[in-house]
Amino acid sequence: MTTTQTRFFDEMAKLMTNAAGAAQGVRREIDTLIQAQLERVLNGMELVKREEFEAVKAMAQKAREENDALSARLSALEARFAANGESASDIRAD
C-alpha cells in the first residue's frame, strides 16, 4: 500500500511540475502578445523616443545659447555705433 501511495504522490508531483511549467509558458506568451500590442498602439500614436527627444532638446538649447550670444553681440555693436553718433542703417555692406 505504501508503494502505491508513493507512486501516486510521485505522479501528482510530476503533474504539478508540468502544470507549473505550462503556466509559465502561457504567461510568457501572454506577456509577448501584450508587449507587441502596446508597441503597435504606441507606434500608431507617433510618439517620439526618449533619445530623439533628448537630442532635439540639446539642439534647441545650443541654438538658444547661440541666439543669446548673437543678441548680446548685436547690442554691443549698436551701443558702439550709438556712441559714435552713427546708426546701423549708416553701415553699407560692400
N, C-alpha and C. Protein backbone atom coordinates (compact mmCIF):
# COMPACT_ATOMS: atom_id res chain seq x y z
N MET A 1 0.82 -1.19 0.00
CA MET A 1 0.00 0.00 0.00
C MET A 1 0.87 1.26 0.00
N THR A 2 1.97 1.24 0.71
CA THR A 2 2.86 2.38 0.78
C THR A 2 3.46 2.66 -0.58
N THR A 3 3.80 1.64 -1.34
CA THR A 3 4.37 1.82 -2.67
C THR A 3 3.36 2.48 -3.59
N THR A 4 2.12 2.12 -3.48
CA THR A 4 1.07 2.71 -4.31
C THR A 4 0.89 4.18 -3.98
N GLN A 5 0.92 4.52 -2.69
CA GLN A 5 0.78 5.91 -2.29
C GLN A 5 1.98 6.73 -2.77
N THR A 6 3.16 6.17 -2.65
CA THR A 6 4.36 6.87 -3.08
C THR A 6 4.31 7.13 -4.58
N ARG A 7 3.91 6.11 -5.35
CA ARG A 7 3.78 6.29 -6.81
C ARG A 7 2.74 7.36 -7.13
N PHE A 8 1.63 7.33 -6.38
CA PHE A 8 0.57 8.31 -6.61
C PHE A 8 1.09 9.73 -6.37
N PHE A 9 1.81 9.91 -5.25
CA PHE A 9 2.34 11.24 -4.94
C PHE A 9 3.44 11.65 -5.93
N ASP A 10 4.23 10.70 -6.37
CA ASP A 10 5.25 11.00 -7.39
C ASP A 10 4.59 11.45 -8.68
N GLU A 11 3.56 10.75 -9.07
CA GLU A 11 2.83 11.13 -10.30
C GLU A 11 2.16 12.50 -10.14
N MET A 12 1.61 12.78 -8.98
CA MET A 12 0.98 14.08 -8.71
C MET A 12 2.04 15.19 -8.75
N ALA A 13 3.22 14.92 -8.20
CA ALA A 13 4.30 15.90 -8.21
C ALA A 13 4.74 16.20 -9.64
N LYS A 14 4.86 15.16 -10.46
CA LYS A 14 5.22 15.36 -11.87
C LYS A 14 4.15 16.17 -12.59
N LEU A 15 2.90 15.82 -12.31
CA LEU A 15 1.79 16.54 -12.95
C LEU A 15 1.80 18.01 -12.55
N MET A 16 2.05 18.31 -11.28
CA MET A 16 2.08 19.69 -10.81
C MET A 16 3.28 20.44 -11.43
N THR A 17 4.43 19.77 -11.52
CA THR A 17 5.61 20.38 -12.12
C THR A 17 5.34 20.71 -13.59
N ASN A 18 4.73 19.79 -14.30
CA ASN A 18 4.39 20.03 -15.70
C ASN A 18 3.37 21.15 -15.84
N ALA A 19 2.40 21.19 -14.93
CA ALA A 19 1.39 22.25 -14.98
C ALA A 19 2.02 23.61 -14.72
N ALA A 20 2.96 23.66 -13.77
CA ALA A 20 3.64 24.92 -13.46
C ALA A 20 4.47 25.37 -14.66
N GLY A 21 5.15 24.45 -15.31
CA GLY A 21 5.93 24.79 -16.50
C GLY A 21 5.05 25.30 -17.62
N ALA A 22 3.91 24.65 -17.81
CA ALA A 22 2.98 25.07 -18.85
C ALA A 22 2.41 26.46 -18.53
N ALA A 23 2.13 26.71 -17.25
CA ALA A 23 1.59 28.02 -16.85
C ALA A 23 2.62 29.11 -17.10
N GLN A 24 3.89 28.84 -16.84
CA GLN A 24 4.94 29.82 -17.11
C GLN A 24 5.06 30.09 -18.61
N GLY A 25 4.94 29.04 -19.41
CA GLY A 25 4.99 29.21 -20.86
C GLY A 25 3.84 30.07 -21.36
N VAL A 26 2.66 29.83 -20.83
CA VAL A 26 1.49 30.62 -21.21
C VAL A 26 1.67 32.07 -20.78
N ARG A 27 2.22 32.27 -19.60
CA ARG A 27 2.45 33.63 -19.10
C ARG A 27 3.43 34.38 -20.00
N ARG A 28 4.52 33.71 -20.39
CA ARG A 28 5.49 34.34 -21.29
C ARG A 28 4.84 34.70 -22.63
N GLU A 29 4.03 33.80 -23.13
CA GLU A 29 3.35 34.05 -24.41
C GLU A 29 2.40 35.24 -24.30
N ILE A 30 1.66 35.32 -23.21
CA ILE A 30 0.74 36.45 -23.00
C ILE A 30 1.52 37.75 -22.86
N ASP A 31 2.63 37.72 -22.12
CA ASP A 31 3.47 38.92 -21.98
C ASP A 31 3.96 39.39 -23.34
N THR A 32 4.39 38.47 -24.17
CA THR A 32 4.89 38.81 -25.51
C THR A 32 3.78 39.43 -26.35
N LEU A 33 2.60 38.86 -26.29
CA LEU A 33 1.47 39.39 -27.07
C LEU A 33 1.07 40.79 -26.59
N ILE A 34 1.05 40.98 -25.29
CA ILE A 34 0.68 42.29 -24.74
C ILE A 34 1.73 43.33 -25.12
N GLN A 35 3.00 42.97 -25.03
CA GLN A 35 4.06 43.91 -25.40
C GLN A 35 3.98 44.27 -26.87
N ALA A 36 3.74 43.31 -27.73
CA ALA A 36 3.61 43.59 -29.16
C ALA A 36 2.43 44.51 -29.43
N GLN A 37 1.32 44.28 -28.76
CA GLN A 37 0.13 45.12 -28.95
C GLN A 37 0.40 46.54 -28.47
N LEU A 38 1.05 46.69 -27.33
CA LEU A 38 1.38 48.02 -26.82
C LEU A 38 2.32 48.76 -27.76
N GLU A 39 3.30 48.06 -28.32
CA GLU A 39 4.21 48.69 -29.28
C GLU A 39 3.45 49.17 -30.51
N ARG A 40 2.50 48.38 -30.99
CA ARG A 40 1.69 48.79 -32.15
C ARG A 40 0.88 50.04 -31.82
N VAL A 41 0.29 50.08 -30.64
CA VAL A 41 -0.51 51.24 -30.24
C VAL A 41 0.37 52.48 -30.13
N LEU A 42 1.52 52.34 -29.47
CA LEU A 42 2.41 53.49 -29.30
C LEU A 42 2.98 53.97 -30.64
N ASN A 43 3.31 53.04 -31.53
CA ASN A 43 3.79 53.45 -32.85
C ASN A 43 2.71 54.16 -33.64
N GLY A 44 1.46 53.76 -33.45
CA GLY A 44 0.35 54.41 -34.13
C GLY A 44 0.09 55.82 -33.61
N MET A 45 0.55 56.10 -32.39
CA MET A 45 0.34 57.42 -31.80
C MET A 45 1.43 58.40 -32.23
N GLU A 46 2.41 57.92 -32.97
CA GLU A 46 3.50 58.74 -33.48
C GLU A 46 4.23 59.48 -32.35
N LEU A 47 4.52 58.78 -31.28
CA LEU A 47 5.28 59.34 -30.18
C LEU A 47 6.77 59.25 -30.51
N VAL A 48 7.53 60.18 -29.97
CA VAL A 48 8.98 60.13 -30.19
C VAL A 48 9.63 59.35 -29.06
N LYS A 49 10.78 58.78 -29.38
CA LYS A 49 11.53 58.04 -28.37
C LYS A 49 12.31 59.03 -27.51
N ARG A 50 12.64 58.62 -26.31
CA ARG A 50 13.34 59.47 -25.36
C ARG A 50 14.66 59.97 -25.94
N GLU A 51 15.41 59.12 -26.65
CA GLU A 51 16.70 59.51 -27.22
C GLU A 51 16.51 60.64 -28.24
N GLU A 52 15.49 60.52 -29.08
CA GLU A 52 15.24 61.55 -30.09
C GLU A 52 14.85 62.86 -29.42
N PHE A 53 14.00 62.77 -28.40
CA PHE A 53 13.58 63.97 -27.68
C PHE A 53 14.77 64.67 -27.04
N GLU A 54 15.64 63.90 -26.40
CA GLU A 54 16.80 64.49 -25.74
C GLU A 54 17.74 65.13 -26.76
N ALA A 55 17.88 64.52 -27.94
CA ALA A 55 18.75 65.08 -28.98
C ALA A 55 18.21 66.42 -29.46
N VAL A 56 16.91 66.49 -29.71
CA VAL A 56 16.30 67.75 -30.17
C VAL A 56 16.35 68.80 -29.06
N LYS A 57 16.16 68.37 -27.84
CA LYS A 57 16.23 69.29 -26.70
C LYS A 57 17.62 69.91 -26.60
N ALA A 58 18.66 69.09 -26.78
CA ALA A 58 20.03 69.60 -26.74
C ALA A 58 20.29 70.57 -27.89
N MET A 59 19.77 70.25 -29.07
CA MET A 59 19.94 71.14 -30.22
C MET A 59 19.25 72.48 -29.96
N ALA A 60 18.07 72.45 -29.39
CA ALA A 60 17.34 73.68 -29.10
C ALA A 60 18.09 74.52 -28.06
N GLN A 61 18.64 73.87 -27.05
CA GLN A 61 19.41 74.58 -26.03
C GLN A 61 20.63 75.26 -26.65
N LYS A 62 21.33 74.55 -27.53
CA LYS A 62 22.50 75.12 -28.19
C LYS A 62 22.10 76.31 -29.06
N ALA A 63 21.00 76.17 -29.80
CA ALA A 63 20.52 77.26 -30.65
C ALA A 63 20.14 78.48 -29.80
N ARG A 64 19.51 78.22 -28.65
CA ARG A 64 19.13 79.30 -27.75
C ARG A 64 20.37 80.04 -27.24
N GLU A 65 21.40 79.28 -26.86
CA GLU A 65 22.63 79.90 -26.38
C GLU A 65 23.31 80.72 -27.47
N GLU A 66 23.35 80.18 -28.69
CA GLU A 66 23.94 80.92 -29.82
C GLU A 66 23.14 82.19 -30.09
N ASN A 67 21.82 82.10 -30.01
CA ASN A 67 20.96 83.25 -30.24
C ASN A 67 21.21 84.33 -29.19
N ASP A 68 21.35 83.91 -27.92
CA ASP A 68 21.64 84.87 -26.85
C ASP A 68 23.00 85.54 -27.07
N ALA A 69 24.00 84.75 -27.51
CA ALA A 69 25.33 85.32 -27.76
C ALA A 69 25.28 86.33 -28.91
N LEU A 70 24.57 85.97 -29.98
CA LEU A 70 24.45 86.90 -31.11
C LEU A 70 23.67 88.15 -30.74
N SER A 71 22.66 88.00 -29.91
CA SER A 71 21.87 89.14 -29.46
C SER A 71 22.74 90.10 -28.63
N ALA A 72 23.55 89.53 -27.75
CA ALA A 72 24.45 90.35 -26.93
C ALA A 72 25.46 91.06 -27.82
N ARG A 73 25.98 90.35 -28.81
CA ARG A 73 26.95 90.94 -29.74
C ARG A 73 26.32 92.08 -30.54
N LEU A 74 25.10 91.88 -31.00
CA LEU A 74 24.38 92.92 -31.75
C LEU A 74 24.13 94.13 -30.87
N SER A 75 23.74 93.91 -29.63
CA SER A 75 23.50 95.02 -28.71
C SER A 75 24.79 95.82 -28.48
N ALA A 76 25.91 95.11 -28.35
CA ALA A 76 27.20 95.79 -28.15
C ALA A 76 27.56 96.61 -29.38
N LEU A 77 27.33 96.07 -30.56
CA LEU A 77 27.62 96.82 -31.79
C LEU A 77 26.73 98.05 -31.92
N GLU A 78 25.45 97.88 -31.60
CA GLU A 78 24.52 99.02 -31.67
C GLU A 78 24.94 100.10 -30.67
N ALA A 79 25.36 99.68 -29.48
CA ALA A 79 25.80 100.65 -28.48
C ALA A 79 27.05 101.38 -28.96
N ARG A 80 27.95 100.65 -29.60
CA ARG A 80 29.17 101.27 -30.12
C ARG A 80 28.86 102.29 -31.21
N PHE A 81 27.94 101.95 -32.10
CA PHE A 81 27.55 102.88 -33.16
C PHE A 81 26.82 104.08 -32.58
N ALA A 82 26.00 103.86 -31.59
CA ALA A 82 25.27 104.96 -30.96
C ALA A 82 26.25 105.92 -30.28
N ALA A 83 27.30 105.38 -29.70
CA ALA A 83 28.30 106.21 -29.03
C ALA A 83 29.07 107.06 -30.04
N ASN A 84 29.22 106.54 -31.25
CA ASN A 84 29.92 107.27 -32.31
C ASN A 84 28.99 108.19 -33.10
N GLY A 85 27.73 108.19 -32.75
CA GLY A 85 26.78 109.05 -33.44
C GLY A 85 26.32 108.47 -34.78
N GLU A 86 26.55 107.22 -34.99
CA GLU A 86 26.11 106.56 -36.22
C GLU A 86 24.89 105.71 -35.92
N SER A 87 24.20 105.35 -36.98
CA SER A 87 23.09 104.40 -36.82
C SER A 87 23.43 103.15 -37.62
N ALA A 88 22.78 102.10 -37.32
CA ALA A 88 23.05 100.85 -38.01
C ALA A 88 22.72 100.97 -39.48
N SER A 89 21.81 101.84 -39.85
CA SER A 89 21.47 102.00 -41.26
C SER A 89 22.55 102.74 -42.03
N ASP A 90 23.49 103.40 -41.32
CA ASP A 90 24.58 104.10 -41.99
C ASP A 90 25.63 103.11 -42.53
N ILE A 91 25.61 101.89 -42.06
CA ILE A 91 26.60 100.90 -42.47
C ILE A 91 26.15 100.29 -43.78
N ARG A 92 27.09 100.24 -44.72
CA ARG A 92 26.78 99.60 -46.01
C ARG A 92 27.55 98.30 -46.09
N ALA A 93 26.92 97.31 -46.63
CA ALA A 93 27.61 96.05 -46.88
C ALA A 93 28.21 96.11 -48.27
N ASP A 94 29.51 96.17 -48.34
CA ASP A 94 30.18 96.24 -49.64
C ASP A 94 30.66 94.88 -50.07
